[in-house]
Amino acid sequence: MGNVLDPNFWRRFSAAVHQDEEAQKARTRGGNSWLERQKRKKSRRTYICWTFWLCFAILVAGLVAVIIWLKNKGVFNKDLFDKGE
């Protein structure tokens, strides 16, 4: 019951398995597997996110520095609406 009666079965089976393994290797060698694409997307997203937040922090720090500089110069102490009374 478990024996295969066709003598060419194992030769065809072995060739089919070999072709399937070669096709699978060719798919993973090209770097186009789904998992590798997902890892590249995640890496790119992480890089973009860090770059955005770093630029945002630099912008905020720059604004704070300008406000402190203007406050020390006394720009905010002047009455802008005073017409020289």
N, C-alpha and C. Protein backbone atom coordinates (compact mmCIF):
# COMPACT_ATOMS: atom_id res chain seq x y z
N MET A 1 0.82 -1.19 0.00
CA MET A 1 0.00 0.00 0.00
C MET A 1 0.87 1.26 0.00
N GLY A 2 2.00 1.27 0.69
CA GLY A 2 2.86 2.42 0.76
C GLY A 2 3.88 2.47 -0.36
N ASN A 3 3.99 1.42 -1.15
CA ASN A 3 4.99 1.38 -2.21
C ASN A 3 4.45 2.03 -3.48
N VAL A 4 5.33 2.71 -4.18
CA VAL A 4 4.97 3.30 -5.46
C VAL A 4 5.39 2.31 -6.53
N LEU A 5 4.47 1.98 -7.43
CA LEU A 5 4.73 0.94 -8.42
C LEU A 5 5.46 1.47 -9.65
N ASP A 6 5.37 2.75 -9.91
CA ASP A 6 6.02 3.32 -11.10
C ASP A 6 7.51 3.49 -10.81
N PRO A 7 8.39 2.87 -11.61
CA PRO A 7 9.83 2.96 -11.34
C PRO A 7 10.39 4.36 -11.61
N ASN A 8 9.76 5.14 -12.44
CA ASN A 8 10.25 6.49 -12.74
C ASN A 8 9.72 7.53 -11.77
N PHE A 9 8.87 7.13 -10.84
CA PHE A 9 8.26 8.09 -9.90
C PHE A 9 9.32 8.83 -9.10
N TRP A 10 10.27 8.09 -8.50
CA TRP A 10 11.25 8.72 -7.63
C TRP A 10 12.17 9.65 -8.40
N ARG A 11 12.49 9.29 -9.66
CA ARG A 11 13.32 10.16 -10.48
C ARG A 11 12.57 11.46 -10.77
N ARG A 12 11.29 11.37 -11.14
CA ARG A 12 10.50 12.58 -11.41
C ARG A 12 10.29 13.38 -10.13
N PHE A 13 10.02 12.67 -9.03
CA PHE A 13 9.81 13.35 -7.75
C PHE A 13 11.07 14.10 -7.33
N SER A 14 12.21 13.47 -7.45
CA SER A 14 13.47 14.10 -7.07
C SER A 14 13.75 15.31 -7.95
N ALA A 15 13.49 15.20 -9.25
CA ALA A 15 13.71 16.34 -10.15
C ALA A 15 12.78 17.49 -9.80
N ALA A 16 11.52 17.18 -9.46
CA ALA A 16 10.56 18.23 -9.11
C ALA A 16 10.97 18.93 -7.82
N VAL A 17 11.42 18.16 -6.84
CA VAL A 17 11.87 18.76 -5.58
C VAL A 17 13.09 19.63 -5.82
N HIS A 18 14.01 19.15 -6.64
CA HIS A 18 15.21 19.91 -6.94
C HIS A 18 14.86 21.23 -7.65
N GLN A 19 13.95 21.18 -8.60
CA GLN A 19 13.53 22.40 -9.31
C GLN A 19 12.86 23.38 -8.35
N ASP A 20 12.06 22.86 -7.45
CA ASP A 20 11.38 23.72 -6.48
C ASP A 20 12.39 24.38 -5.54
N GLU A 21 13.39 23.63 -5.10
CA GLU A 21 14.42 24.21 -4.22
C GLU A 21 15.24 25.27 -4.95
N GLU A 22 15.57 25.03 -6.20
CA GLU A 22 16.32 26.01 -6.98
C GLU A 22 15.49 27.28 -7.21
N ALA A 23 14.21 27.13 -7.48
CA ALA A 23 13.35 28.29 -7.67
C ALA A 23 13.24 29.09 -6.39
N GLN A 24 13.15 28.40 -5.27
CA GLN A 24 13.06 29.10 -3.98
C GLN A 24 14.36 29.84 -3.67
N LYS A 25 15.50 29.24 -3.98
CA LYS A 25 16.79 29.91 -3.77
C LYS A 25 16.91 31.14 -4.65
N ALA A 26 16.43 31.03 -5.89
CA ALA A 26 16.51 32.16 -6.81
C ALA A 26 15.65 33.32 -6.32
N ARG A 27 14.51 33.02 -5.73
CA ARG A 27 13.63 34.08 -5.21
C ARG A 27 14.28 34.79 -4.03
N THR A 28 14.93 34.06 -3.15
CA THR A 28 15.51 34.70 -1.97
C THR A 28 16.85 35.36 -2.29
N ARG A 29 17.57 34.89 -3.30
CA ARG A 29 18.84 35.50 -3.66
C ARG A 29 18.66 36.91 -4.19
N GLY A 30 17.59 37.16 -4.92
CA GLY A 30 17.38 38.46 -5.52
C GLY A 30 17.04 39.54 -4.51
N GLY A 31 16.76 39.18 -3.29
CA GLY A 31 16.42 40.17 -2.27
C GLY A 31 15.03 40.73 -2.43
N ASN A 32 14.18 40.02 -3.13
CA ASN A 32 12.83 40.51 -3.37
C ASN A 32 11.81 39.79 -2.51
N SER A 33 12.26 39.12 -1.46
CA SER A 33 11.30 38.44 -0.63
C SER A 33 10.48 39.46 0.17
N TRP A 34 9.31 39.06 0.54
CA TRP A 34 8.40 39.95 1.26
C TRP A 34 9.02 40.42 2.57
N LEU A 35 9.66 39.51 3.28
CA LEU A 35 10.23 39.86 4.58
C LEU A 35 11.35 40.88 4.43
N GLU A 36 12.20 40.71 3.42
CA GLU A 36 13.29 41.66 3.21
C GLU A 36 12.74 43.03 2.82
N ARG A 37 11.70 43.08 2.01
CA ARG A 37 11.09 44.37 1.65
C ARG A 37 10.50 45.04 2.88
N GLN A 38 9.87 44.28 3.75
CA GLN A 38 9.30 44.85 4.97
C GLN A 38 10.39 45.40 5.88
N LYS A 39 11.51 44.69 5.97
CA LYS A 39 12.62 45.17 6.80
C LYS A 39 13.20 46.46 6.24
N ARG A 40 13.32 46.54 4.91
CA ARG A 40 13.82 47.78 4.30
C ARG A 40 12.87 48.93 4.54
N LYS A 41 11.55 48.68 4.43
CA LYS A 41 10.56 49.73 4.69
C LYS A 41 10.66 50.22 6.13
N LYS A 42 10.80 49.29 7.06
CA LYS A 42 10.89 49.66 8.47
C LYS A 42 12.16 50.47 8.73
N SER A 43 13.26 50.06 8.13
CA SER A 43 14.51 50.79 8.30
C SER A 43 14.40 52.21 7.73
N ARG A 44 13.80 52.33 6.55
CA ARG A 44 13.63 53.64 5.94
C ARG A 44 12.70 54.51 6.78
N ARG A 45 11.62 53.93 7.28
CA ARG A 45 10.67 54.68 8.10
C ARG A 45 11.34 55.14 9.39
N THR A 46 12.18 54.30 9.99
CA THR A 46 12.88 54.68 11.22
C THR A 46 13.84 55.84 10.95
N TYR A 47 14.56 55.77 9.84
CA TYR A 47 15.50 56.83 9.47
C TYR A 47 14.76 58.15 9.25
N ILE A 48 13.67 58.11 8.52
CA ILE A 48 12.90 59.33 8.24
C ILE A 48 12.32 59.90 9.53
N CYS A 49 11.83 59.05 10.41
CA CYS A 49 11.25 59.51 11.67
C CYS A 49 12.31 60.18 12.54
N TRP A 50 13.47 59.56 12.70
CA TRP A 50 14.54 60.17 13.49
C TRP A 50 14.99 61.49 12.88
N THR A 51 15.09 61.55 11.56
CA THR A 51 15.50 62.79 10.90
C THR A 51 14.49 63.90 11.14
N PHE A 52 13.20 63.58 11.01
CA PHE A 52 12.16 64.57 11.24
C PHE A 52 12.23 65.12 12.66
N TRP A 53 12.28 64.23 13.66
CA TRP A 53 12.27 64.69 15.04
C TRP A 53 13.55 65.44 15.41
N LEU A 54 14.68 65.07 14.82
CA LEU A 54 15.91 65.80 15.06
C LEU A 54 15.82 67.21 14.49
N CYS A 55 15.31 67.33 13.26
CA CYS A 55 15.14 68.66 12.66
C CYS A 55 14.13 69.49 13.45
N PHE A 56 13.07 68.87 13.92
CA PHE A 56 12.07 69.58 14.71
C PHE A 56 12.68 70.08 16.01
N ALA A 57 13.49 69.24 16.67
CA ALA A 57 14.13 69.66 17.92
C ALA A 57 15.11 70.81 17.68
N ILE A 58 15.84 70.77 16.58
CA ILE A 58 16.76 71.86 16.25
C ILE A 58 15.99 73.15 16.00
N LEU A 59 14.86 73.06 15.31
CA LEU A 59 14.02 74.23 15.06
C LEU A 59 13.50 74.83 16.36
N VAL A 60 13.00 73.99 17.24
CA VAL A 60 12.48 74.47 18.53
C VAL A 60 13.61 75.09 19.35
N ALA A 61 14.78 74.45 19.38
CA ALA A 61 15.91 75.00 20.13
C ALA A 61 16.33 76.34 19.55
N GLY A 62 16.30 76.47 18.23
CA GLY A 62 16.64 77.74 17.59
C GLY A 62 15.65 78.84 17.95
N LEU A 63 14.37 78.50 17.94
CA LEU A 63 13.35 79.50 18.31
C LEU A 63 13.51 79.93 19.76
N VAL A 64 13.77 78.98 20.63
CA VAL A 64 13.96 79.32 22.05
C VAL A 64 15.19 80.21 22.21
N ALA A 65 16.26 79.91 21.50
CA ALA A 65 17.48 80.72 21.58
C ALA A 65 17.22 82.14 21.08
N VAL A 66 16.48 82.29 19.98
CA VAL A 66 16.17 83.62 19.45
C VAL A 66 15.30 84.40 20.43
N ILE A 67 14.32 83.75 21.03
CA ILE A 67 13.45 84.43 21.99
C ILE A 67 14.25 84.88 23.21
N ILE A 68 15.13 84.01 23.72
CA ILE A 68 15.96 84.39 24.87
C ILE A 68 16.88 85.56 24.49
N TRP A 69 17.46 85.51 23.31
CA TRP A 69 18.35 86.58 22.85
C TRP A 69 17.60 87.91 22.74
N LEU A 70 16.40 87.87 22.16
CA LEU A 70 15.60 89.09 22.04
C LEU A 70 15.16 89.61 23.40
N LYS A 71 14.85 88.71 24.32
CA LYS A 71 14.44 89.13 25.66
C LYS A 71 15.61 89.80 26.38
N ASN A 72 16.81 89.26 26.22
CA ASN A 72 17.99 89.86 26.86
C ASN A 72 18.33 91.22 26.26
N LYS A 73 18.02 91.41 24.99
CA LYS A 73 18.27 92.70 24.35
C LYS A 73 17.21 93.73 24.75
N GLY A 74 16.14 93.30 25.35
CA GLY A 74 15.11 94.22 25.80
C GLY A 74 14.05 94.51 24.76
N VAL A 75 13.96 93.74 23.72
CA VAL A 75 12.97 93.96 22.67
C VAL A 75 11.56 93.80 23.21
N PHE A 76 11.36 92.86 24.11
CA PHE A 76 10.01 92.62 24.63
C PHE A 76 9.63 93.61 25.73
N ASN A 77 10.58 94.38 26.26
CA ASN A 77 10.29 95.35 27.30
C ASN A 77 9.76 96.65 26.74
N LYS A 78 10.02 96.91 25.46
CA LYS A 78 9.57 98.16 24.85
C LYS A 78 8.08 98.09 24.58
N ASP A 79 7.45 99.24 24.74
CA ASP A 79 6.02 99.33 24.43
C ASP A 79 5.91 99.71 22.96
N LEU A 80 5.49 98.77 22.15
CA LEU A 80 5.42 98.98 20.71
C LEU A 80 4.30 99.95 20.32
N PHE A 81 3.31 100.14 21.18
CA PHE A 81 2.19 100.99 20.85
C PHE A 81 2.32 102.39 21.43
N ASP A 82 3.41 102.64 22.12
CA ASP A 82 3.65 103.96 22.69
C ASP A 82 4.13 104.88 21.58
N LYS A 83 3.43 105.98 21.33
CA LYS A 83 3.74 106.91 20.21
C LYS A 83 4.64 108.04 20.68
N GLY A 84 5.40 107.86 21.68
CA GLY A 84 6.33 108.89 22.13
C GLY A 84 5.68 109.95 22.98
N GLU A 85 4.82 109.57 23.86
CA GLU A 85 4.13 110.53 24.71
C GLU A 85 5.04 111.17 25.69
